[in-house]
Amino acid sequence: MPPSPRTVSFNKPLSLVDTTITGRHDWAPGLMTLKLAERGAFRPGQFMNLGLYLPSGFVSRSYSLASAPGEPLEVLLARVGEGELTPALFELREGASIVVDTKAQGF
């Protein structure tokens, strides 16, 4: 069940939905692309929030979109060793559940 809409520091509600990772490509150590089942409307250069339920609670962060508009969402991730969410994302494999904010942001 997706979390209820949350507000971020600038009081924008997030359109959070559960989705599935349908593909993963590791480009180099610490650099990967996750392909999601979800599709969303966006323009090149925008980003979306990804989230996971961690032991500390629900955590969401913004990530750049790497897919073409109209295609299943793909996000490019660079490992941040001390980050709260990114190390957990690097543990995910195809078939894992993830939460995505389907409203693109950036401009």
C-alpha atoms as a PDB file:
ATOM      1  CA  MET A   1       0.000   0.000   0.000  1.00  0.00           C
ATOM      2  CA  PRO A   2       1.525   3.364  -0.981  1.00  0.00           C
ATOM      3  CA  PRO A   3       2.127   5.897   1.747  1.00  0.00           C
ATOM      4  CA  SER A   4      -0.334   8.727   2.095  1.00  0.00           C
ATOM      5  CA  PRO A   5       0.621  11.927   0.247  1.00  0.00           C
ATOM      6  CA  ARG A   6       3.318  13.738   2.148  1.00  0.00           C
ATOM      7  CA  THR A   7       4.480  17.312   2.019  1.00  0.00           C
ATOM      8  CA  VAL A   8       8.062  18.290   1.534  1.00  0.00           C
ATOM      9  CA  SER A   9       9.765  21.428   2.808  1.00  0.00           C
ATOM     10  CA  PHE A  10       8.065  23.651   0.241  1.00  0.00           C
ATOM     11  CA  ASN A  11       4.582  22.213   0.997  1.00  0.00           C
ATOM     12  CA  LYS A  12       4.039  20.367  -2.270  1.00  0.00           C
ATOM     13  CA  PRO A  13       2.087  17.120  -1.943  1.00  0.00           C
ATOM     14  CA  LEU A  14       3.761  14.096  -3.496  1.00  0.00           C
ATOM     15  CA  SER A  15       1.819  11.746  -5.806  1.00  0.00           C
ATOM     16  CA  LEU A  16       3.312   8.545  -4.399  1.00  0.00           C
ATOM     17  CA  VAL A  17       2.582   5.136  -5.933  1.00  0.00           C
ATOM     18  CA  ASP A  18       4.061   1.668  -5.452  1.00  0.00           C
ATOM     19  CA  THR A  19       5.837   0.280  -8.487  1.00  0.00           C
ATOM     20  CA  THR A  20       8.240  -2.524  -9.369  1.00  0.00           C
ATOM     21  CA  ILE A  21      11.820  -2.487 -10.587  1.00  0.00           C
ATOM     22  CA  THR A  22      11.721  -4.152 -14.000  1.00  0.00           C
ATOM     23  CA  GLY A  23      15.395  -3.798 -14.833  1.00  0.00           C
ATOM     24  CA  ARG A  24      18.764  -2.798 -13.466  1.00  0.00           C
ATOM     25  CA  HIS A  25      21.931  -1.904 -15.345  1.00  0.00           C
ATOM     26  CA  ASP A  26      25.204  -1.427 -13.484  1.00  0.00           C
ATOM     27  CA  TRP A  27      27.351   0.886 -15.618  1.00  0.00           C
ATOM     28  CA  ALA A  28      30.351   0.944 -13.285  1.00  0.00           C
ATOM     29  CA  PRO A  29      30.973   0.475  -9.563  1.00  0.00           C
ATOM     30  CA  GLY A  30      28.646   2.928  -7.828  1.00  0.00           C
ATOM     31  CA  LEU A  31      26.706   3.920 -10.979  1.00  0.00           C
ATOM     32  CA  MET A  32      23.490   2.236 -12.115  1.00  0.00           C
ATOM     33  CA  THR A  33      20.161   2.721 -13.824  1.00  0.00           C
ATOM     34  CA  LEU A  34      16.900   1.350 -12.411  1.00  0.00           C
ATOM     35  CA  LYS A  35      13.999   0.783 -14.806  1.00  0.00           C
ATOM     36  CA  LEU A  36      10.534   1.008 -13.215  1.00  0.00           C
ATOM     37  CA  ALA A  37       7.186  -0.421 -14.319  1.00  0.00           C
ATOM     38  CA  GLU A  38       5.560   2.987 -13.754  1.00  0.00           C
ATOM     39  CA  ARG A  39       5.257   5.561 -16.519  1.00  0.00           C
ATOM     40  CA  GLY A  40       4.945   9.278 -15.902  1.00  0.00           C
ATOM     41  CA  ALA A  41       4.697  12.522 -17.806  1.00  0.00           C
ATOM     42  CA  PHE A  42       7.836  14.655 -17.695  1.00  0.00           C
ATOM     43  CA  ARG A  43      10.135  16.827 -19.790  1.00  0.00           C
ATOM     44  CA  PRO A  44      13.837  16.142 -20.296  1.00  0.00           C
ATOM     45  CA  GLY A  45      15.848  17.540 -17.394  1.00  0.00           C
ATOM     46  CA  GLN A  46      13.190  16.959 -14.749  1.00  0.00           C
ATOM     47  CA  PHE A  47      13.421  14.624 -11.748  1.00  0.00           C
ATOM     48  CA  MET A  48      11.142  12.484  -9.583  1.00  0.00           C
ATOM     49  CA  ASN A  49      11.268  11.281  -5.999  1.00  0.00           C
ATOM     50  CA  LEU A  50      11.934   7.634  -5.158  1.00  0.00           C
ATOM     51  CA  GLY A  51      11.208   6.211  -1.738  1.00  0.00           C
ATOM     52  CA  LEU A  52      11.597   3.118   0.414  1.00  0.00           C
ATOM     53  CA  TYR A  53      10.376   1.956   3.782  1.00  0.00           C
ATOM     54  CA  LEU A  54      13.547   1.646   5.861  1.00  0.00           C
ATOM     55  CA  PRO A  55      13.904   0.670   9.537  1.00  0.00           C
ATOM     56  CA  SER A  56      14.053   4.415  10.303  1.00  0.00           C
ATOM     57  CA  GLY A  57      10.739   4.998   8.458  1.00  0.00           C
ATOM     58  CA  PHE A  58       9.745   6.111   4.968  1.00  0.00           C
ATOM     59  CA  VAL A  59      12.569   7.959   3.161  1.00  0.00           C
ATOM     60  CA  SER A  60      12.228   9.762  -0.174  1.00  0.00           C
ATOM     61  CA  ARG A  61      14.843  11.559  -2.280  1.00  0.00           C
ATOM     62  CA  SER A  62      14.984  13.176  -5.741  1.00  0.00           C
ATOM     63  CA  TYR A  63      16.678  11.423  -8.664  1.00  0.00           C
ATOM     64  CA  SER A  64      17.277  12.414 -12.287  1.00  0.00           C
ATOM     65  CA  LEU A  65      15.206  10.742 -14.966  1.00  0.00           C
ATOM     66  CA  ALA A  66      17.184   8.947 -17.667  1.00  0.00           C
ATOM     67  CA  SER A  67      14.322   7.656 -19.835  1.00  0.00           C
ATOM     68  CA  ALA A  68      12.602   9.175 -22.826  1.00  0.00           C
ATOM     69  CA  PRO A  69       9.232  10.836 -22.149  1.00  0.00           C
ATOM     70  CA  GLY A  70       6.383   8.310 -22.502  1.00  0.00           C
ATOM     71  CA  GLU A  71       8.615   5.311 -21.803  1.00  0.00           C
ATOM     72  CA  PRO A  72       8.789   3.380 -18.508  1.00  0.00           C
ATOM     73  CA  LEU A  73      10.653   5.477 -15.971  1.00  0.00           C
ATOM     74  CA  GLU A  74      14.402   5.017 -15.631  1.00  0.00           C
ATOM     75  CA  VAL A  75      16.523   6.754 -13.031  1.00  0.00           C
ATOM     76  CA  LEU A  76      20.287   7.131 -12.946  1.00  0.00           C
ATOM     77  CA  LEU A  77      21.828   6.608  -9.500  1.00  0.00           C
ATOM     78  CA  ALA A  78      25.301   7.365  -8.191  1.00  0.00           C
ATOM     79  CA  ARG A  79      26.203   5.672  -4.893  1.00  0.00           C
ATOM     80  CA  VAL A  80      26.465   8.017  -1.930  1.00  0.00           C
ATOM     81  CA  GLY A  81      28.090   6.004   0.850  1.00  0.00           C
ATOM     82  CA  GLU A  82      26.734   8.074   3.701  1.00  0.00           C
ATOM     83  CA  GLY A  83      23.351   8.764   2.118  1.00  0.00           C
ATOM     84  CA  GLU A  84      20.169   7.713   3.867  1.00  0.00           C
ATOM     85  CA  LEU A  85      18.454   6.226   0.800  1.00  0.00           C
ATOM     86  CA  THR A  86      20.918   5.621  -2.037  1.00  0.00           C
ATOM     87  CA  PRO A  87      22.852   2.742  -0.373  1.00  0.00           C
ATOM     88  CA  ALA A  88      19.519   0.932   0.157  1.00  0.00           C
ATOM     89  CA  LEU A  89      18.586   1.476  -3.504  1.00  0.00           C
ATOM     90  CA  PHE A  90      21.843  -0.203  -4.558  1.00  0.00           C
ATOM     91  CA  GLU A  91      20.722  -3.332  -2.674  1.00  0.00           C
ATOM     92  CA  LEU A  92      17.532  -3.653  -4.791  1.00  0.00           C
ATOM     93  CA  ARG A  93      17.196  -6.119  -7.642  1.00  0.00           C
ATOM     94  CA  GLU A  94      14.705  -6.662 -10.446  1.00  0.00           C
ATOM     95  CA  GLY A  95      11.270  -7.462  -9.024  1.00  0.00           C
ATOM     96  CA  ALA A  96      11.731  -5.369  -5.870  1.00  0.00           C
ATOM     97  CA  SER A  97       9.085  -2.843  -4.824  1.00  0.00           C
ATOM     98  CA  ILE A  98       9.830   0.865  -4.695  1.00  0.00           C
ATOM     99  CA  VAL A  99       7.746   4.005  -4.228  1.00  0.00           C
ATOM    100  CA  VAL A 100       7.816   6.763  -6.865  1.00  0.00           C
ATOM    101  CA  ASP A 101       6.349  10.254  -6.975  1.00  0.00           C
ATOM    102  CA  THR A 102       4.775  10.343 -10.442  1.00  0.00           C
ATOM    103  CA  LYS A 103       4.693  14.139 -10.589  1.00  0.00           C
ATOM    104  CA  ALA A 104       7.889  15.337 -12.259  1.00  0.00           C
ATOM    105  CA  GLN A 105       9.636  18.340 -10.780  1.00  0.00           C
ATOM    106  CA  GLY A 106      12.367  20.730 -11.825  1.00  0.00           C
ATOM    107  CA  PHE A 107      10.628  23.438 -13.884  1.00  0.00           C
END
